[in-house]
Amino acid sequence: MVERNVSMNRLHTLIDGFPQVRILCIGDVMLDKFLYGSVTRISPEAPVPIMRMDRETRMLGGAGNVVSNLCALGCRTTFVSVVGDDANGRQVKAFLEDTCCTPELVECRDYETTVKIRFVAGKHHLLRADQEQELKMAPELAARFLERVDACLPDADLVLLSDYGKGLFDGETAPAVIARCRAAGKPVIVDPKGADYSRYGGATLVKPNMKEFQEATGVCLNPSAPGWEKGTPGMSLLHISPPPRLGMSSYSLFFFEKKKKQ
C-alpha cells in the first residue's frame, strides 16, 4: 500500500507539472468529419443502405488529435504541419486555435487538406470515405517547413513527431528534423508509421504499437506467452538506434535494449 501511494503521489506530481512543459508537436494533420443519421431501407439502385442524415460534426484528426490531447493535459503546445490552401485547411487552423495551442501551419497550394468522413447510423459505423492526396515534400515546401521547425525549436522542452504516413515525414524531412533536435539538445519522441524505421534514426524514443511493429518487421508477438520477450529478433529488422519502446496495448510498455558485447 505504501509503494502504491508513493507511485500515485509521483503521478500526481507529474500531472501537476504538465502546464510547465513546452512541447513542439510536428505531424500529419487532418480533418475528421462525422455524419450521423438513421437507416430504414435499402436502396433500389444497389444493395446498400440509405442513410438519412441528421447531423454533422467536425474535429481535428491525425496529429491534430494528439495536439488536442496535449492541450487537454495542460501542456504548452506548438504545432507544425502542412495543410492545403483551402477551406478545410482554414478549418483545421481554427480548431487548433480553439485548443489554445500555437499553430504554425505551412500552406501548400498544390495540396488538399486531408478529410476523413465517417457515416454513422445508430451504433453502426457504416462507411469511411477519405478525401486525400499524398503530400509531396518538394524542395521549396520542405525548406519552408524546416524554417518553421527551426523557429519553434528553441522554445521547446520536448519534440514529438506524430507520423500518420501522409507524406510529411519522408526519407529526408524526418532525418532533417531529428538532426535539428539533436543539435539543439532537445529530446525527440516518434510515433512511427510504415515499414521504414531507418528515417527515425537518432530519435530519443520510438514507440510503435504491436500492430505497427508487426507491419514493420513481419514478426508477430504474443505477450501472453511465457518468455515471449526473449524471442524478439524483429528488433534487428527495424534498423534503428536506439532501440524502440514498444506499446503493448493492454500489456503496457516494453523496452528493448541492445545486448552488450561480451
C-alpha atoms as a PDB file:
ATOM      1  CA  MET A   1       0.000   0.000   0.000  1.00  0.00           C
ATOM      2  CA  VAL A   2       2.860   2.390   0.839  1.00  0.00           C
ATOM      3  CA  GLU A   3       4.532   1.776  -2.545  1.00  0.00           C
ATOM      4  CA  ARG A   4       1.229   2.327  -4.332  1.00  0.00           C
ATOM      5  CA  ASN A   5       0.685   5.632  -2.502  1.00  0.00           C
ATOM      6  CA  VAL A   6       4.188   6.750  -3.428  1.00  0.00           C
ATOM      7  CA  SER A   7       3.535   5.884  -7.080  1.00  0.00           C
ATOM      8  CA  MET A   8       0.246   7.762  -7.074  1.00  0.00           C
ATOM      9  CA  ASN A   9       1.857  10.787  -5.434  1.00  0.00           C
ATOM     10  CA  ARG A  10       4.565  10.728  -8.085  1.00  0.00           C
ATOM     11  CA  LEU A  11       1.905  10.512 -10.797  1.00  0.00           C
ATOM     12  CA  HIS A  12       0.004  13.480  -9.364  1.00  0.00           C
ATOM     13  CA  THR A  13       3.237  15.481  -9.207  1.00  0.00           C
ATOM     14  CA  LEU A  14       3.957  14.745 -12.866  1.00  0.00           C
ATOM     15  CA  ILE A  15       0.424  15.686 -13.929  1.00  0.00           C
ATOM     16  CA  ASP A  16       0.559  18.917 -11.949  1.00  0.00           C
ATOM     17  CA  GLY A  17       3.747  19.786 -13.825  1.00  0.00           C
ATOM     18  CA  PHE A  18       2.220  19.478 -17.314  1.00  0.00           C
ATOM     19  CA  PRO A  19       1.425  23.222 -17.611  1.00  0.00           C
ATOM     20  CA  GLN A  20       5.161  23.948 -17.321  1.00  0.00           C
ATOM     21  CA  VAL A  21       6.071  21.597 -20.177  1.00  0.00           C
ATOM     22  CA  ARG A  22       6.586  23.145 -23.617  1.00  0.00           C
ATOM     23  CA  ILE A  23       6.015  20.618 -26.395  1.00  0.00           C
ATOM     24  CA  LEU A  24       6.651  21.052 -30.088  1.00  0.00           C
ATOM     25  CA  CYS A  25       4.418  18.592 -31.941  1.00  0.00           C
ATOM     26  CA  ILE A  26       5.103  18.004 -35.631  1.00  0.00           C
ATOM     27  CA  GLY A  27       2.932  15.730 -37.728  1.00  0.00           C
ATOM     28  CA  ASP A  28       0.306  14.962 -40.341  1.00  0.00           C
ATOM     29  CA  VAL A  29      -2.896  16.852 -39.578  1.00  0.00           C
ATOM     30  CA  MET A  30      -6.321  16.122 -40.996  1.00  0.00           C
ATOM     31  CA  LEU A  31      -9.957  16.973 -40.517  1.00  0.00           C
ATOM     32  CA  ASP A  32     -12.322  14.323 -39.160  1.00  0.00           C
ATOM     33  CA  LYS A  33     -15.943  14.652 -40.240  1.00  0.00           C
ATOM     34  CA  PHE A  34     -18.740  12.536 -38.764  1.00  0.00           C
ATOM     35  CA  LEU A  35     -22.132  12.270 -40.497  1.00  0.00           C
ATOM     36  CA  TYR A  36     -24.825  10.846 -38.204  1.00  0.00           C
ATOM     37  CA  GLY A  37     -28.229   9.573 -39.270  1.00  0.00           C
ATOM     38  CA  SER A  38     -30.557   6.601 -39.479  1.00  0.00           C
ATOM     39  CA  VAL A  39     -31.144   3.758 -41.904  1.00  0.00           C
ATOM     40  CA  THR A  40     -34.622   2.392 -42.514  1.00  0.00           C
ATOM     41  CA  ARG A  41     -34.403   0.982 -46.026  1.00  0.00           C
ATOM     42  CA  ILE A  42     -32.148  -0.407 -48.731  1.00  0.00           C
ATOM     43  CA  SER A  43     -31.537   1.439 -51.969  1.00  0.00           C
ATOM     44  CA  PRO A  44     -33.451   0.108 -55.025  1.00  0.00           C
ATOM     45  CA  GLU A  45     -30.408   1.082 -57.137  1.00  0.00           C
ATOM     46  CA  ALA A  46     -27.969  -1.243 -55.359  1.00  0.00           C
ATOM     47  CA  PRO A  47     -27.931  -3.429 -52.216  1.00  0.00           C
ATOM     48  CA  VAL A  48     -26.690  -0.614 -49.993  1.00  0.00           C
ATOM     49  CA  PRO A  49     -28.345   1.128 -47.037  1.00  0.00           C
ATOM     50  CA  ILE A  50     -29.827   4.596 -47.464  1.00  0.00           C
ATOM     51  CA  MET A  51     -28.864   6.845 -44.572  1.00  0.00           C
ATOM     52  CA  ARG A  52     -30.980   9.850 -43.710  1.00  0.00           C
ATOM     53  CA  MET A  53     -28.579  12.424 -42.330  1.00  0.00           C
ATOM     54  CA  ASP A  54     -29.476  14.144 -39.064  1.00  0.00           C
ATOM     55  CA  ARG A  55     -26.317  15.997 -38.048  1.00  0.00           C
ATOM     56  CA  GLU A  56     -22.670  16.549 -38.789  1.00  0.00           C
ATOM     57  CA  THR A  57     -19.673  17.130 -36.513  1.00  0.00           C
ATOM     58  CA  ARG A  58     -16.086  18.058 -37.312  1.00  0.00           C
ATOM     59  CA  MET A  59     -12.923  17.800 -35.270  1.00  0.00           C
ATOM     60  CA  LEU A  60      -9.167  17.579 -35.545  1.00  0.00           C
ATOM     61  CA  GLY A  61      -7.746  14.274 -36.744  1.00  0.00           C
ATOM     62  CA  GLY A  62      -4.341  12.662 -37.063  1.00  0.00           C
ATOM     63  CA  ALA A  63      -1.634  14.637 -35.284  1.00  0.00           C
ATOM     64  CA  GLY A  64      -4.267  17.303 -34.634  1.00  0.00           C
ATOM     65  CA  ASN A  65      -5.929  14.897 -32.211  1.00  0.00           C
ATOM     66  CA  VAL A  66      -2.576  14.431 -30.475  1.00  0.00           C
ATOM     67  CA  VAL A  67      -2.364  18.209 -30.063  1.00  0.00           C
ATOM     68  CA  SER A  68      -5.892  18.297 -28.619  1.00  0.00           C
ATOM     69  CA  ASN A  69      -4.906  15.698 -26.020  1.00  0.00           C
ATOM     70  CA  LEU A  70      -1.706  17.537 -25.100  1.00  0.00           C
ATOM     71  CA  CYS A  71      -3.610  20.783 -24.621  1.00  0.00           C
ATOM     72  CA  ALA A  72      -6.273  18.985 -22.571  1.00  0.00           C
ATOM     73  CA  LEU A  73      -3.468  17.815 -20.260  1.00  0.00           C
ATOM     74  CA  GLY A  74      -2.386  21.419 -19.873  1.00  0.00           C
ATOM     75  CA  CYS A  75       0.839  21.214 -21.886  1.00  0.00           C
ATOM     76  CA  ARG A  76       2.004  24.367 -23.650  1.00  0.00           C
ATOM     77  CA  THR A  77       1.925  23.074 -27.207  1.00  0.00           C
ATOM     78  CA  THR A  78       3.145  24.408 -30.537  1.00  0.00           C
ATOM     79  CA  PHE A  79       2.149  22.524 -33.654  1.00  0.00           C
ATOM     80  CA  VAL A  80       3.908  22.468 -37.035  1.00  0.00           C
ATOM     81  CA  SER A  81       2.291  20.834 -40.047  1.00  0.00           C
ATOM     82  CA  VAL A  82       1.374  21.322 -43.702  1.00  0.00           C
ATOM     83  CA  VAL A  83      -2.172  21.998 -44.903  1.00  0.00           C
ATOM     84  CA  GLY A  84      -3.722  22.899 -48.213  1.00  0.00           C
ATOM     85  CA  ASP A  85      -4.634  26.451 -49.134  1.00  0.00           C
ATOM     86  CA  ASP A  86      -8.306  25.570 -48.852  1.00  0.00           C
ATOM     87  CA  ALA A  87     -11.398  25.800 -46.655  1.00  0.00           C
ATOM     88  CA  ASN A  88     -10.564  22.571 -44.805  1.00  0.00           C
ATOM     89  CA  GLY A  89      -7.077  23.858 -44.017  1.00  0.00           C
ATOM     90  CA  ARG A  90      -8.562  27.043 -42.583  1.00  0.00           C
ATOM     91  CA  GLN A  91     -10.991  24.924 -40.546  1.00  0.00           C
ATOM     92  CA  VAL A  92      -8.048  22.952 -39.158  1.00  0.00           C
ATOM     93  CA  LYS A  93      -6.309  26.174 -38.145  1.00  0.00           C
ATOM     94  CA  ALA A  94      -9.456  27.443 -36.413  1.00  0.00           C
ATOM     95  CA  PHE A  95      -9.835  24.186 -34.468  1.00  0.00           C
ATOM     96  CA  LEU A  96      -6.173  24.318 -33.439  1.00  0.00           C
ATOM     97  CA  GLU A  97      -6.606  27.854 -32.142  1.00  0.00           C
ATOM     98  CA  ASP A  98      -9.615  26.664 -30.132  1.00  0.00           C
ATOM     99  CA  THR A  99      -7.375  24.126 -28.351  1.00  0.00           C
ATOM    100  CA  CYS A 100      -5.180  27.034 -27.161  1.00  0.00           C
ATOM    101  CA  CYS A 101      -2.130  25.626 -28.935  1.00  0.00           C
ATOM    102  CA  THR A 102       0.096  27.752 -31.169  1.00  0.00           C
ATOM    103  CA  PRO A 103      -0.465  26.594 -34.763  1.00  0.00           C
ATOM    104  CA  GLU A 104       2.462  27.061 -37.124  1.00  0.00           C
ATOM    105  CA  LEU A 105       0.950  25.774 -40.348  1.00  0.00           C
ATOM    106  CA  VAL A 106       2.634  25.837 -43.738  1.00  0.00           C
ATOM    107  CA  GLU A 107       0.149  26.246 -46.582  1.00  0.00           C
ATOM    108  CA  CYS A 108       0.673  24.412 -49.862  1.00  0.00           C
ATOM    109  CA  ARG A 109      -1.348  25.457 -52.923  1.00  0.00           C
ATOM    110  CA  ASP A 110      -0.796  22.133 -54.692  1.00  0.00           C
ATOM    111  CA  TYR A 111      -2.138  20.074 -51.801  1.00  0.00           C
ATOM    112  CA  GLU A 112      -5.642  19.368 -50.486  1.00  0.00           C
ATOM    113  CA  THR A 113      -6.074  19.100 -46.737  1.00  0.00           C
ATOM    114  CA  THR A 114      -6.926  15.511 -45.808  1.00  0.00           C
ATOM    115  CA  VAL A 115     -10.509  14.887 -44.707  1.00  0.00           C
ATOM    116  CA  LYS A 116     -11.828  11.603 -43.344  1.00  0.00           C
ATOM    117  CA  ILE A 117     -15.605  11.272 -43.490  1.00  0.00           C
ATOM    118  CA  ARG A 118     -17.374   8.674 -41.360  1.00  0.00           C
ATOM    119  CA  PHE A 119     -21.018   7.687 -41.803  1.00  0.00           C
ATOM    120  CA  VAL A 120     -22.649   6.501 -38.590  1.00  0.00           C
ATOM    121  CA  ALA A 121     -26.192   5.177 -38.192  1.00  0.00           C
ATOM    122  CA  GLY A 122     -27.159   4.500 -34.602  1.00  0.00           C
ATOM    123  CA  LYS A 123     -24.309   2.457 -33.140  1.00  0.00           C
ATOM    124  CA  HIS A 124     -23.131   1.244 -36.530  1.00  0.00           C
ATOM    125  CA  HIS A 125     -20.195   2.730 -38.405  1.00  0.00           C
ATOM    126  CA  LEU A 126     -21.332   2.157 -41.983  1.00  0.00           C
ATOM    127  CA  LEU A 127     -18.557   3.629 -44.067  1.00  0.00           C
ATOM    128  CA  ARG A 128     -15.460   5.809 -44.081  1.00  0.00           C
ATOM    129  CA  ALA A 129     -14.583   7.905 -47.115  1.00  0.00           C
ATOM    130  CA  ASP A 130     -11.146   9.520 -47.354  1.00  0.00           C
ATOM    131  CA  GLN A 131     -10.576  12.715 -49.273  1.00  0.00           C
ATOM    132  CA  GLU A 132      -6.809  12.867 -49.520  1.00  0.00           C
ATOM    133  CA  GLN A 133      -3.792  13.092 -51.755  1.00  0.00           C
ATOM    134  CA  GLU A 134      -0.200  12.188 -50.968  1.00  0.00           C
ATOM    135  CA  LEU A 135       1.813  15.132 -49.741  1.00  0.00           C
ATOM    136  CA  LYS A 136       4.928  15.673 -51.818  1.00  0.00           C
ATOM    137  CA  MET A 137       7.629  17.462 -49.826  1.00  0.00           C
ATOM    138  CA  ALA A 138       9.157  19.308 -52.773  1.00  0.00           C
ATOM    139  CA  PRO A 139      12.363  21.254 -52.013  1.00  0.00           C
ATOM    140  CA  GLU A 140      10.601  24.632 -51.730  1.00  0.00           C
ATOM    141  CA  LEU A 141       7.894  23.240 -49.428  1.00  0.00           C
ATOM    142  CA  ALA A 142      10.423  21.279 -47.340  1.00  0.00           C
ATOM    143  CA  ALA A 143      12.507  24.448 -46.912  1.00  0.00           C
ATOM    144  CA  ARG A 144       9.520  26.429 -45.635  1.00  0.00           C
ATOM    145  CA  PHE A 145       8.537  23.566 -43.339  1.00  0.00           C
ATOM    146  CA  LEU A 146      12.049  23.265 -41.839  1.00  0.00           C
ATOM    147  CA  GLU A 147      12.255  27.044 -41.400  1.00  0.00           C
ATOM    148  CA  ARG A 148       9.112  26.840 -39.285  1.00  0.00           C
ATOM    149  CA  VAL A 149      10.619  23.979 -37.258  1.00  0.00           C
ATOM    150  CA  ASP A 150      13.838  25.958 -36.721  1.00  0.00           C
ATOM    151  CA  ALA A 151      11.843  28.952 -35.486  1.00  0.00           C
ATOM    152  CA  CYS A 152       9.858  26.903 -32.954  1.00  0.00           C
ATOM    153  CA  LEU A 153      12.579  24.559 -31.709  1.00  0.00           C
ATOM    154  CA  PRO A 154      14.407  26.892 -29.258  1.00  0.00           C
ATOM    155  CA  ASP A 155      11.307  27.298 -27.061  1.00  0.00           C
ATOM    156  CA  ALA A 156      10.536  23.570 -26.818  1.00  0.00           C
ATOM    157  CA  ASP A 157      11.386  21.247 -23.932  1.00  0.00           C
ATOM    158  CA  LEU A 158      10.379  18.187 -25.944  1.00  0.00           C
ATOM    159  CA  VAL A 159       9.656  17.404 -29.593  1.00  0.00           C
ATOM    160  CA  LEU A 160       7.006  14.882 -30.639  1.00  0.00           C
ATOM    161  CA  LEU A 161       6.852  13.559 -34.207  1.00  0.00           C
ATOM    162  CA  SER A 162       3.399  12.163 -34.969  1.00  0.00           C
ATOM    163  CA  ASP A 163       3.687  10.279 -38.261  1.00  0.00           C
ATOM    164  CA  TYR A 164       0.424   9.264 -39.935  1.00  0.00           C
ATOM    165  CA  GLY A 165       2.053   8.277 -43.211  1.00  0.00           C
ATOM    166  CA  LYS A 166       0.588  11.117 -45.298  1.00  0.00           C
ATOM    167  CA  GLY A 167       3.927  12.285 -46.692  1.00  0.00           C
ATOM    168  CA  LEU A 168       5.166  14.895 -44.217  1.00  0.00           C
ATOM    169  CA  PHE A 169       7.930  12.642 -42.875  1.00  0.00           C
ATOM    170  CA  ASP A 170       9.715  11.246 -45.890  1.00  0.00           C
ATOM    171  CA  GLY A 171      13.268   9.952 -46.146  1.00  0.00           C
ATOM    172  CA  GLU A 172      14.657  13.483 -45.995  1.00  0.00           C
ATOM    173  CA  THR A 173      12.423  15.589 -43.761  1.00  0.00           C
ATOM    174  CA  ALA A 174      12.282  13.131 -40.837  1.00  0.00           C
ATOM    175  CA  PRO A 175      16.104  12.809 -40.543  1.00  0.00           C
ATOM    176  CA  ALA A 176      16.435  16.586 -41.008  1.00  0.00           C
ATOM    177  CA  VAL A 177      14.040  17.304 -38.137  1.00  0.00           C
ATOM    178  CA  ILE A 178      15.667  14.734 -35.837  1.00  0.00           C
ATOM    179  CA  ALA A 179      19.147  16.099 -36.639  1.00  0.00           C
ATOM    180  CA  ARG A 180      17.976  19.587 -35.696  1.00  0.00           C
ATOM    181  CA  CYS A 181      16.557  18.291 -32.411  1.00  0.00           C
ATOM    182  CA  ARG A 182      19.812  16.539 -31.537  1.00  0.00           C
ATOM    183  CA  ALA A 183      21.871  19.603 -32.421  1.00  0.00           C
ATOM    184  CA  ALA A 184      19.645  21.726 -30.170  1.00  0.00           C
ATOM    185  CA  GLY A 185      19.796  19.186 -27.343  1.00  0.00           C
ATOM    186  CA  LYS A 186      16.059  18.513 -27.479  1.00  0.00           C
ATOM    187  CA  PRO A 187      14.686  15.024 -26.782  1.00  0.00           C
ATOM    188  CA  VAL A 188      12.547  13.773 -29.657  1.00  0.00           C
ATOM    189  CA  ILE A 189       9.832  11.112 -29.412  1.00  0.00           C
ATOM    190  CA  VAL A 190       8.438   9.423 -32.521  1.00  0.00           C
ATOM    191  CA  ASP A 191       5.080   7.763 -33.007  1.00  0.00           C
ATOM    192  CA  PRO A 192       6.008   5.862 -36.203  1.00  0.00           C
ATOM    193  CA  LYS A 193       4.222   4.715 -39.319  1.00  0.00           C
ATOM    194  CA  GLY A 194       5.112   2.387 -42.168  1.00  0.00           C
ATOM    195  CA  ALA A 195       7.844  -0.202 -42.554  1.00  0.00           C
ATOM    196  CA  ASP A 196      10.934   2.008 -42.906  1.00  0.00           C
ATOM    197  CA  TYR A 197      12.110   2.984 -39.436  1.00  0.00           C
ATOM    198  CA  SER A 198      15.597   3.934 -40.584  1.00  0.00           C
ATOM    199  CA  ARG A 199      14.396   7.513 -41.125  1.00  0.00           C
ATOM    200  CA  TYR A 200      13.792   7.779 -37.360  1.00  0.00           C
ATOM    201  CA  GLY A 201      17.437   7.018 -36.528  1.00  0.00           C
ATOM    202  CA  GLY A 202      18.797   9.211 -33.746  1.00  0.00           C
ATOM    203  CA  ALA A 203      15.438   9.789 -32.066  1.00  0.00           C
ATOM    204  CA  THR A 204      15.404   9.619 -28.279  1.00  0.00           C
ATOM    205  CA  LEU A 205      12.445   7.253 -28.254  1.00  0.00           C
ATOM    206  CA  VAL A 206      10.441   5.457 -30.942  1.00  0.00           C
ATOM    207  CA  LYS A 207       7.172   3.889 -29.817  1.00  0.00           C
ATOM    208  CA  PRO A 208       5.362   1.597 -32.245  1.00  0.00           C
ATOM    209  CA  ASN A 209       2.398  -0.375 -31.001  1.00  0.00           C
ATOM    210  CA  MET A 210       2.204  -4.121 -31.560  1.00  0.00           C
ATOM    211  CA  LYS A 211       0.366  -3.811 -34.884  1.00  0.00           C
ATOM    212  CA  GLU A 212       2.896  -1.286 -36.215  1.00  0.00           C
ATOM    213  CA  PHE A 213       5.779  -3.441 -35.008  1.00  0.00           C
ATOM    214  CA  GLN A 214       4.390  -6.467 -36.852  1.00  0.00           C
ATOM    215  CA  GLU A 215       3.844  -4.442 -40.045  1.00  0.00           C
ATOM    216  CA  ALA A 216       7.419  -3.145 -39.915  1.00  0.00           C
ATOM    217  CA  THR A 217       9.131  -6.452 -39.128  1.00  0.00           C
ATOM    218  CA  GLY A 218       6.781  -9.282 -40.091  1.00  0.00           C
ATOM    219  CA  VAL A 219       7.272 -10.642 -36.557  1.00  0.00           C
ATOM    220  CA  CYS A 220       4.118 -11.448 -34.585  1.00  0.00           C
ATOM    221  CA  LEU A 221       4.477 -11.023 -30.829  1.00  0.00           C
ATOM    222  CA  ASN A 222       2.396 -12.864 -28.255  1.00  0.00           C
ATOM    223  CA  PRO A 223       2.855 -11.153 -24.860  1.00  0.00           C
ATOM    224  CA  SER A 224       0.607 -13.712 -23.180  1.00  0.00           C
ATOM    225  CA  ALA A 225       3.132 -16.489 -23.912  1.00  0.00           C
ATOM    226  CA  PRO A 226       5.791 -17.160 -21.215  1.00  0.00           C
ATOM    227  CA  GLY A 227       9.231 -15.853 -22.153  1.00  0.00           C
ATOM    228  CA  TRP A 228       7.932 -14.111 -25.264  1.00  0.00           C
ATOM    229  CA  GLU A 229      10.303 -11.156 -24.805  1.00  0.00           C
ATOM    230  CA  LYS A 230      13.324 -13.429 -25.369  1.00  0.00           C
ATOM    231  CA  GLY A 231      12.209 -14.204 -28.896  1.00  0.00           C
ATOM    232  CA  THR A 232      12.285 -10.741 -30.433  1.00  0.00           C
ATOM    233  CA  PRO A 233      14.563 -10.996 -33.466  1.00  0.00           C
ATOM    234  CA  GLY A 234      12.352  -8.429 -35.150  1.00  0.00           C
ATOM    235  CA  MET A 235      14.140  -5.610 -33.325  1.00  0.00           C
ATOM    236  CA  SER A 236      17.168  -6.010 -35.575  1.00  0.00           C
ATOM    237  CA  LEU A 237      14.895  -5.652 -38.604  1.00  0.00           C
ATOM    238  CA  LEU A 238      13.957  -2.086 -37.663  1.00  0.00           C
ATOM    239  CA  HIS A 239      17.499  -0.827 -38.420  1.00  0.00           C
ATOM    240  CA  ILE A 240      17.250   1.876 -35.793  1.00  0.00           C
ATOM    241  CA  SER A 241      19.289   3.101 -32.865  1.00  0.00           C
ATOM    242  CA  PRO A 242      18.456   3.484 -30.042  1.00  0.00           C
ATOM    243  CA  PRO A 243      16.061   0.503 -29.957  1.00  0.00           C
ATOM    244  CA  PRO A 244      12.381   1.417 -29.550  1.00  0.00           C
ATOM    245  CA  ARG A 245       9.915   1.142 -26.727  1.00  0.00           C
ATOM    246  CA  LEU A 246       7.007  -0.990 -27.820  1.00  0.00           C
ATOM    247  CA  GLY A 247       3.435  -0.083 -26.911  1.00  0.00           C
ATOM    248  CA  MET A 248       1.800  -3.313 -25.859  1.00  0.00           C
ATOM    249  CA  SER A 249      -1.844  -2.186 -25.867  1.00  0.00           C
ATOM    250  CA  SER A 250      -3.346  -3.743 -22.738  1.00  0.00           C
ATOM    251  CA  TYR A 251       0.071  -5.224 -21.880  1.00  0.00           C
ATOM    252  CA  SER A 252       1.583  -1.803 -21.049  1.00  0.00           C
ATOM    253  CA  LEU A 253       5.011  -0.844 -22.416  1.00  0.00           C
ATOM    254  CA  PHE A 254       8.134  -2.855 -23.201  1.00  0.00           C
ATOM    255  CA  PHE A 255      11.656  -1.533 -23.626  1.00  0.00           C
ATOM    256  CA  PHE A 256      14.084  -3.393 -25.847  1.00  0.00           C
ATOM    257  CA  GLU A 257      17.779  -2.884 -25.191  1.00  0.00           C
ATOM    258  CA  LYS A 258      20.698  -3.958 -27.296  1.00  0.00           C
ATOM    259  CA  LYS A 259      22.713  -6.759 -25.746  1.00  0.00           C
ATOM    260  CA  LYS A 260      26.130  -5.678 -24.581  1.00  0.00           C
ATOM    261  CA  LYS A 261      29.059  -7.349 -26.246  1.00  0.00           C
ATOM    262  CA  GLN A 262      30.941  -9.751 -24.013  1.00  0.00           C
END
